[in-house]
PDB file of all heavy atoms in Angstrom:
ATOM      1  N   GLN A   1     130.157  72.911  78.756  1.00  0.00           N
ATOM      2  CA  GLN A   1     129.879  74.302  79.092  1.00  0.00           C
ATOM      3  C   GLN A   1     128.926  74.876  78.066  1.00  0.00           C
ATOM      4  O   GLN A   1     129.256  74.952  76.870  1.00  0.00           O
ATOM      5  CB  GLN A   1     131.163  75.124  79.142  1.00  0.00           C
ATOM      6  CG  GLN A   1     130.959  76.526  79.663  1.00  0.00           C
ATOM      7  CD  GLN A   1     132.264  77.207  80.015  1.00  0.00           C
ATOM      8  OE1 GLN A   1     133.345  76.794  79.597  1.00  0.00           O
ATOM      9  NE2 GLN A   1     132.183  78.253  80.805  1.00  0.00           N
ATOM     10  N   ALA A   2     127.760  75.257  78.537  1.00  0.00           N
ATOM     11  CA  ALA A   2     126.763  75.896  77.683  1.00  0.00           C
ATOM     12  C   ALA A   2     126.939  77.406  77.765  1.00  0.00           C
ATOM     13  O   ALA A   2     127.508  77.911  78.739  1.00  0.00           O
ATOM     14  CB  ALA A   2     125.367  75.491  78.129  1.00  0.00           C
ATOM     15  N   PRO A   3     126.468  78.137  76.778  1.00  0.00           N
ATOM     16  CA  PRO A   3     126.612  79.603  76.794  1.00  0.00           C
ATOM     17  C   PRO A   3     126.028  80.216  78.062  1.00  0.00           C
ATOM     18  O   PRO A   3     124.899  79.914  78.450  1.00  0.00           O
ATOM     19  CB  PRO A   3     125.827  80.037  75.557  1.00  0.00           C
ATOM     20  CG  PRO A   3     125.892  78.864  74.643  1.00  0.00           C
ATOM     21  CD  PRO A   3     125.833  77.667  75.540  1.00  0.00           C
ATOM     22  N   GLY A   4     126.823  81.048  78.714  1.00  0.00           N
ATOM     23  CA  GLY A   4     126.355  81.718  79.915  1.00  0.00           C
ATOM     24  C   GLY A   4     126.355  80.882  81.164  1.00  0.00           C
ATOM     25  O   GLY A   4     125.904  81.327  82.221  1.00  0.00           O
ATOM     26  N   LYS A   5     126.859  79.660  81.076  1.00  0.00           N
ATOM     27  CA  LYS A   5     126.870  78.771  82.234  1.00  0.00           C
ATOM     28  C   LYS A   5     128.281  78.330  82.564  1.00  0.00           C
ATOM     29  O   LYS A   5     129.187  78.419  81.733  1.00  0.00           O
ATOM     30  CB  LYS A   5     125.983  77.548  81.977  1.00  0.00           C
ATOM     31  CG  LYS A   5     124.501  77.880  81.823  1.00  0.00           C
ATOM     32  CD  LYS A   5     123.678  76.619  81.736  1.00  0.00           C
ATOM     33  CE  LYS A   5     122.188  76.933  81.659  1.00  0.00           C
ATOM     34  NZ  LYS A   5     121.367  75.698  81.600  1.00  0.00           N
ATOM     35  N   GLN A   6     128.449  77.819  83.775  1.00  0.00           N
ATOM     36  CA  GLN A   6     129.754  77.325  84.182  1.00  0.00           C
ATOM     37  C   GLN A   6     129.991  75.923  83.611  1.00  0.00           C
ATOM     38  O   GLN A   6     129.050  75.185  83.308  1.00  0.00           O
ATOM     39  CB  GLN A   6     129.843  77.286  85.715  1.00  0.00           C
ATOM     40  CG  GLN A   6     129.887  78.658  86.371  1.00  0.00           C
ATOM     41  CD  GLN A   6     130.194  78.577  87.853  1.00  0.00           C
ATOM     42  OE1 GLN A   6     129.949  77.562  88.494  1.00  0.00           O
ATOM     43  NE2 GLN A   6     130.740  79.637  88.413  1.00  0.00           N
ATOM     44  N   ARG A   7     131.246  75.583  83.501  1.00  0.00           N
ATOM     45  CA  ARG A   7     131.601  74.242  83.058  1.00  0.00           C
ATOM     46  C   ARG A   7     131.184  73.249  84.140  1.00  0.00           C
ATOM     47  O   ARG A   7     131.399  73.480  85.327  1.00  0.00           O
ATOM     48  CB  ARG A   7     133.095  74.148  82.790  1.00  0.00           C
ATOM     49  CG  ARG A   7     133.519  72.855  82.123  1.00  0.00           C
ATOM     50  CD  ARG A   7     134.999  72.886  81.751  1.00  0.00           C
ATOM     51  NE  ARG A   7     135.294  73.927  80.780  1.00  0.00           N
ATOM     52  CZ  ARG A   7     136.480  74.058  80.175  1.00  0.00           C
ATOM     53  NH1 ARG A   7     137.448  73.184  80.439  1.00  0.00           N
ATOM     54  NH2 ARG A   7     136.681  75.024  79.318  1.00  0.00           N
ATOM     55  N   GLU A   8     130.577  72.135  83.699  1.00  0.00           N
ATOM     56  CA  GLU A   8     130.097  71.151  84.654  1.00  0.00           C
ATOM     57  C   GLU A   8     130.548  69.758  84.261  1.00  0.00           C
ATOM     58  O   GLU A   8     130.744  69.455  83.073  1.00  0.00           O
ATOM     59  CB  GLU A   8     128.563  71.178  84.725  1.00  0.00           C
ATOM     60  CG  GLU A   8     127.861  70.832  83.432  1.00  0.00           C
ATOM     61  CD  GLU A   8     126.350  70.753  83.568  1.00  0.00           C
ATOM     62  OE1 GLU A   8     125.829  70.983  84.670  1.00  0.00           O
ATOM     63  OE2 GLU A   8     125.691  70.467  82.549  1.00  0.00           O
ATOM     64  N   LEU A   9     130.681  68.902  85.268  1.00  0.00           N
ATOM     65  CA  LEU A   9     131.042  67.515  85.023  1.00  0.00           C
ATOM     66  C   LEU A   9     129.864  66.788  84.401  1.00  0.00           C
ATOM     67  O   LEU A   9     128.728  66.892  84.875  1.00  0.00           O
ATOM     68  CB  LEU A   9     131.437  66.826  86.329  1.00  0.00           C
ATOM     69  CG  LEU A   9     131.676  65.312  86.236  1.00  0.00           C
ATOM     70  CD1 LEU A   9     132.921  65.009  85.441  1.00  0.00           C
ATOM     71  CD2 LEU A   9     131.761  64.704  87.629  1.00  0.00           C
ATOM     72  N   VAL A  10     130.143  66.033  83.343  1.00  0.00           N
ATOM     73  CA  VAL A  10     129.129  65.182  82.722  1.00  0.00           C
ATOM     74  C   VAL A  10     129.319  63.743  83.188  1.00  0.00           C
ATOM     75  O   VAL A  10     128.379  63.113  83.670  1.00  0.00           O
ATOM     76  CB  VAL A  10     129.221  65.256  81.189  1.00  0.00           C
ATOM     77  CG1 VAL A  10     128.219  64.292  80.560  1.00  0.00           C
ATOM     78  CG2 VAL A  10     128.999  66.680  80.701  1.00  0.00           C
ATOM     79  N   ALA A  11     130.537  63.242  83.044  1.00  0.00           N
ATOM     80  CA  ALA A  11     130.822  61.858  83.436  1.00  0.00           C
ATOM     81  C   ALA A  11     132.323  61.702  83.603  1.00  0.00           C
ATOM     82  O   ALA A  11     133.099  62.404  82.944  1.00  0.00           O
ATOM     83  CB  ALA A  11     130.305  60.872  82.399  1.00  0.00           C
ATOM     84  N   SER A  12     132.718  60.776  84.483  1.00  0.00           N
ATOM     85  CA  SER A  12     134.132  60.492  84.658  1.00  0.00           C
ATOM     86  C   SER A  12     134.321  58.998  84.857  1.00  0.00           C
ATOM     87  O   SER A  12     133.384  58.285  85.244  1.00  0.00           O
ATOM     88  CB  SER A  12     134.713  61.265  85.837  1.00  0.00           C
ATOM     89  OG  SER A  12     134.115  60.839  87.047  1.00  0.00           O
ATOM     90  N   ILE A  13     135.556  58.544  84.602  1.00  0.00           N
ATOM     91  CA  ILE A  13     135.861  57.133  84.742  1.00  0.00           C
ATOM     92  C   ILE A  13     137.284  57.000  85.259  1.00  0.00           C
ATOM     93  O   ILE A  13     138.199  57.662  84.763  1.00  0.00           O
ATOM     94  CB  ILE A  13     135.660  56.388  83.402  1.00  0.00           C
ATOM     95  CG1 ILE A  13     135.880  54.885  83.573  1.00  0.00           C
ATOM     96  CG2 ILE A  13     136.542  56.962  82.299  1.00  0.00           C
ATOM     97  CD1 ILE A  13     135.384  54.069  82.374  1.00  0.00           C
ATOM     98  N   THR A  14     137.479  56.167  86.268  1.00  0.00           N
ATOM     99  CA  THR A  14     138.801  55.980  86.841  1.00  0.00           C
ATOM    100  C   THR A  14     139.581  54.925  86.050  1.00  0.00           C
ATOM    101  O   THR A  14     139.055  54.294  85.137  1.00  0.00           O
ATOM    102  CB  THR A  14     138.698  55.525  88.308  1.00  0.00           C
ATOM    103  OG1 THR A  14     138.129  54.202  88.331  1.00  0.00           O
ATOM    104  CG2 THR A  14     137.827  56.471  89.120  1.00  0.00           C
ATOM    105  N   GLY A  15     140.820  54.724  86.452  1.00  0.00           N
ATOM    106  CA  GLY A  15     141.635  53.720  85.799  1.00  0.00           C
ATOM    107  C   GLY A  15     141.094  52.313  85.955  1.00  0.00           C
ATOM    108  O   GLY A  15     141.343  51.447  85.120  1.00  0.00           O
ATOM    109  N   SER A  16     140.338  52.106  87.018  1.00  0.00           N
ATOM    110  CA  SER A  16     139.714  50.801  87.243  1.00  0.00           C
ATOM    111  C   SER A  16     138.273  50.765  86.750  1.00  0.00           C
ATOM    112  O   SER A  16     137.515  49.872  87.120  1.00  0.00           O
ATOM    113  CB  SER A  16     139.759  50.462  88.743  1.00  0.00           C
ATOM    114  OG  SER A  16     139.111  51.472  89.495  1.00  0.00           O
ATOM    115  N   SER A  17     137.923  51.784  85.929  1.00  0.00           N
ATOM    116  CA  SER A  17     136.610  51.852  85.273  1.00  0.00           C
ATOM    117  C   SER A  17     135.438  52.119  86.209  1.00  0.00           C
ATOM    118  O   SER A  17     134.303  51.771  85.900  1.00  0.00           O
ATOM    119  CB  SER A  17     136.342  50.586  84.444  1.00  0.00           C
ATOM    120  OG  SER A  17     137.261  50.493  83.376  1.00  0.00           O
ATOM    121  N   ARG A  18     135.710  52.738  87.331  1.00  0.00           N
ATOM    122  CA  ARG A  18     134.598  53.186  88.184  1.00  0.00           C
ATOM    123  C   ARG A  18     134.079  54.481  87.596  1.00  0.00           C
ATOM    124  O   ARG A  18     134.840  55.390  87.303  1.00  0.00           O
ATOM    125  CB  ARG A  18     135.085  53.400  89.612  1.00  0.00           C
ATOM    126  CG  ARG A  18     133.976  53.776  90.585  1.00  0.00           C
ATOM    127  CD  ARG A  18     134.516  53.803  91.990  1.00  0.00           C
ATOM    128  NE  ARG A  18     135.536  54.822  92.160  1.00  0.00           N
ATOM    129  CZ  ARG A  18     136.278  54.935  93.233  1.00  0.00           C
ATOM    130  NH1 ARG A  18     136.139  54.090  94.246  1.00  0.00           N
ATOM    131  NH2 ARG A  18     137.185  55.898  93.315  1.00  0.00           N
ATOM    132  N   THR A  19     132.767  54.584  87.431  1.00  0.00           N
ATOM    133  CA  THR A  19     132.173  55.711  86.729  1.00  0.00           C
ATOM    134  C   THR A  19     131.334  56.604  87.638  1.00  0.00           C
ATOM    135  O   THR A  19     130.792  56.155  88.654  1.00  0.00           O
ATOM    136  CB  THR A  19     131.287  55.230  85.579  1.00  0.00           C
ATOM    137  OG1 THR A  19     130.265  54.366  86.100  1.00  0.00           O
ATOM    138  CG2 THR A  19     132.104  54.475  84.548  1.00  0.00           C
ATOM    139  N   THR A  20     131.244  57.867  87.242  1.00  0.00           N
ATOM    140  CA  THR A  20     130.407  58.861  87.911  1.00  0.00           C
ATOM    141  C   THR A  20     129.674  59.643  86.840  1.00  0.00           C
ATOM    142  O   THR A  20     130.261  59.973  85.806  1.00  0.00           O
ATOM    143  CB  THR A  20     131.263  59.827  88.743  1.00  0.00           C
ATOM    144  OG1 THR A  20     132.000  59.080  89.725  1.00  0.00           O
ATOM    145  CG2 THR A  20     130.390  60.848  89.452  1.00  0.00           C
ATOM    146  N   TYR A  21     128.393  59.953  87.086  1.00  0.00           N
ATOM    147  CA  TYR A  21     127.586  60.684  86.117  1.00  0.00           C
ATOM    148  C   TYR A  21     126.854  61.843  86.788  1.00  0.00           C
ATOM    149  O   TYR A  21     126.439  61.742  87.947  1.00  0.00           O
ATOM    150  CB  TYR A  21     126.540  59.773  85.472  1.00  0.00           C
ATOM    151  CG  TYR A  21     127.105  58.675  84.613  1.00  0.00           C
ATOM    152  CD1 TYR A  21     127.337  57.409  85.139  1.00  0.00           C
ATOM    153  CD2 TYR A  21     127.420  58.907  83.285  1.00  0.00           C
ATOM    154  CE1 TYR A  21     127.866  56.398  84.363  1.00  0.00           C
ATOM    155  CE2 TYR A  21     127.942  57.905  82.488  1.00  0.00           C
ATOM    156  CZ  TYR A  21     128.164  56.654  83.032  1.00  0.00           C
ATOM    157  OH  TYR A  21     128.686  55.658  82.238  1.00  0.00           O
ATOM    158  N   ALA A  22     126.669  62.904  86.035  1.00  0.00           N
ATOM    159  CA  ALA A  22     125.779  63.968  86.480  1.00  0.00           C
ATOM    160  C   ALA A  22     124.354  63.419  86.478  1.00  0.00           C
ATOM    161  O   ALA A  22     124.000  62.593  85.627  1.00  0.00           O
ATOM    162  CB  ALA A  22     125.875  65.167  85.546  1.00  0.00           C
ATOM    163  N   ASP A  23     123.550  63.867  87.411  1.00  0.00           N
ATOM    164  CA  ASP A  23     122.169  63.382  87.490  1.00  0.00           C
ATOM    165  C   ASP A  23     121.418  63.607  86.192  1.00  0.00           C
ATOM    166  O   ASP A  23     120.574  62.804  85.801  1.00  0.00           O
ATOM    167  CB  ASP A  23     121.429  64.076  88.640  1.00  0.00           C
ATOM    168  CG  ASP A  23     121.902  63.606  90.004  1.00  0.00           C
ATOM    169  OD1 ASP A  23     122.539  62.532  90.080  1.00  0.00           O
ATOM    170  OD2 ASP A  23     121.648  64.316  90.993  1.00  0.00           O
ATOM    171  N   SER A  24     121.722  64.696  85.511  1.00  0.00           N
ATOM    172  CA  SER A  24     120.986  65.064  84.302  1.00  0.00           C
ATOM    173  C   SER A  24     121.230  64.115  83.130  1.00  0.00           C
ATOM    174  O   SER A  24     120.462  64.115  82.163  1.00  0.00           O
ATOM    175  CB  SER A  24     121.341  66.484  83.883  1.00  0.00           C
ATOM    176  OG  SER A  24     122.731  66.594  83.632  1.00  0.00           O
ATOM    177  N   VAL A  25     122.283  63.299  83.206  1.00  0.00           N
ATOM    178  CA  VAL A  25     122.597  62.412  82.077  1.00  0.00           C
ATOM    179  C   VAL A  25     122.509  60.932  82.442  1.00  0.00           C
ATOM    180  O   VAL A  25     122.680  60.073  81.565  1.00  0.00           O
ATOM    181  CB  VAL A  25     123.988  62.712  81.489  1.00  0.00           C
ATOM    182  CG1 VAL A  25     124.107  64.192  81.144  1.00  0.00           C
ATOM    183  CG2 VAL A  25     125.099  62.288  82.443  1.00  0.00           C
ATOM    184  N   LYS A  26     122.256  60.630  83.696  1.00  0.00           N
ATOM    185  CA  LYS A  26     122.173  59.228  84.113  1.00  0.00           C
ATOM    186  C   LYS A  26     121.100  58.495  83.316  1.00  0.00           C
ATOM    187  O   LYS A  26     119.997  58.990  83.137  1.00  0.00           O
ATOM    188  CB  LYS A  26     121.864  59.153  85.606  1.00  0.00           C
ATOM    189  CG  LYS A  26     123.043  59.447  86.495  1.00  0.00           C
ATOM    190  CD  LYS A  26     122.672  59.331  87.975  1.00  0.00           C
ATOM    191  CE  LYS A  26     123.860  59.640  88.870  1.00  0.00           C
ATOM    192  NZ  LYS A  26     123.499  59.615  90.304  1.00  0.00           N
ATOM    193  N   GLY A  27     121.461  57.307  82.843  1.00  0.00           N
ATOM    194  CA  GLY A  27     120.524  56.513  82.057  1.00  0.00           C
ATOM    195  C   GLY A  27     120.533  56.843  80.585  1.00  0.00           C
ATOM    196  O   GLY A  27     119.948  56.119  79.779  1.00  0.00           O
ATOM    197  N   ARG A  28     121.177  57.945  80.207  1.00  0.00           N
ATOM    198  CA  ARG A  28     121.229  58.338  78.783  1.00  0.00           C
ATOM    199  C   ARG A  28     122.649  58.301  78.234  1.00  0.00           C
ATOM    200  O   ARG A  28     122.848  57.969  77.069  1.00  0.00           O
ATOM    201  CB  ARG A  28     120.661  59.755  78.597  1.00  0.00           C
ATOM    202  CG  ARG A  28     119.215  59.909  79.047  1.00  0.00           C
ATOM    203  CD  ARG A  28     118.665  61.281  78.653  1.00  0.00           C
ATOM    204  NE  ARG A  28     119.370  62.379  79.303  1.00  0.00           N
ATOM    205  CZ  ARG A  28     119.975  63.376  78.648  1.00  0.00           C
ATOM    206  NH1 ARG A  28     119.966  63.399  77.323  1.00  0.00           N
ATOM    207  NH2 ARG A  28     120.575  64.340  79.315  1.00  0.00           N
ATOM    208  N   PHE A  29     123.625  58.672  79.051  1.00  0.00           N
ATOM    209  CA  PHE A  29     125.023  58.721  78.621  1.00  0.00           C
ATOM    210  C   PHE A  29     125.803  57.573  79.261  1.00  0.00           C
ATOM    211  O   PHE A  29     125.532  57.181  80.398  1.00  0.00           O
ATOM    212  CB  PHE A  29     125.668  60.031  79.044  1.00  0.00           C
ATOM    213  CG  PHE A  29     125.168  61.258  78.339  1.00  0.00           C
ATOM    214  CD1 PHE A  29     124.041  61.235  77.526  1.00  0.00           C
ATOM    215  CD2 PHE A  29     125.835  62.470  78.492  1.00  0.00           C
ATOM    216  CE1 PHE A  29     123.580  62.367  76.894  1.00  0.00           C
ATOM    217  CE2 PHE A  29     125.392  63.615  77.860  1.00  0.00           C
ATOM    218  CZ  PHE A  29     124.266  63.565  77.067  1.00  0.00           C
ATOM    219  N   THR A  30     126.806  57.085  78.529  1.00  0.00           N
ATOM    220  CA  THR A  30     127.682  56.041  79.044  1.00  0.00           C
ATOM    221  C   THR A  30     129.124  56.396  78.726  1.00  0.00           C
ATOM    222  O   THR A  30     129.464  56.635  77.566  1.00  0.00           O
ATOM    223  CB  THR A  30     127.348  54.685  78.423  1.00  0.00           C
ATOM    224  OG1 THR A  30     125.984  54.351  78.700  1.00  0.00           O
ATOM    225  CG2 THR A  30     128.253  53.600  79.016  1.00  0.00           C
ATOM    226  N   ILE A  31     129.953  56.440  79.759  1.00  0.00           N
ATOM    227  CA  ILE A  31     131.374  56.692  79.559  1.00  0.00           C
ATOM    228  C   ILE A  31     132.124  55.371  79.630  1.00  0.00           C
ATOM    229  O   ILE A  31     131.769  54.478  80.413  1.00  0.00           O
ATOM    230  CB  ILE A  31     131.921  57.693  80.609  1.00  0.00           C
ATOM    231  CG1 ILE A  31     133.345  58.112  80.255  1.00  0.00           C
ATOM    232  CG2 ILE A  31     131.845  57.118  82.020  1.00  0.00           C
ATOM    233  CD1 ILE A  31     133.875  59.276  81.093  1.00  0.00           C
ATOM    234  N   SER A  32     133.140  55.241  78.782  1.00  0.00           N
ATOM    235  CA  SER A  32     133.977  54.040  78.786  1.00  0.00           C
ATOM    236  C   SER A  32     135.390  54.437  78.389  1.00  0.00           C
ATOM    237  O   SER A  32     135.622  55.583  77.981  1.00  0.00           O
ATOM    238  CB  SER A  32     133.414  52.990  77.820  1.00  0.00           C
ATOM    239  OG  SER A  32     133.376  53.497  76.494  1.00  0.00           O
ATOM    240  N   ARG A  33     136.311  53.513  78.522  1.00  0.00           N
ATOM    241  CA  ARG A  33     137.690  53.829  78.145  1.00  0.00           C
ATOM    242  C   ARG A  33     138.402  52.580  77.664  1.00  0.00           C
ATOM    243  O   ARG A  33     138.068  51.463  78.047  1.00  0.00           O
ATOM    244  CB  ARG A  33     138.448  54.466  79.305  1.00  0.00           C
ATOM    245  CG  ARG A  33     138.685  53.560  80.495  1.00  0.00           C
ATOM    246  CD  ARG A  33     139.278  54.331  81.667  1.00  0.00           C
ATOM    247  NE  ARG A  33     140.676  54.705  81.449  1.00  0.00           N
ATOM    248  CZ  ARG A  33     141.367  55.512  82.247  1.00  0.00           C
ATOM    249  NH1 ARG A  33     140.781  56.058  83.293  1.00  0.00           N
ATOM    250  NH2 ARG A  33     142.635  55.788  82.000  1.00  0.00           N
TER     251      ARG A  33
END
């Protein structure tokens, strides 16, 4: 959540390690668990 903006999803990962990314961070961010 940036100042003045709504909270947004950046990345998520399921129990089986399936991942989802916001378009703005694809290729730059990596989520793991």
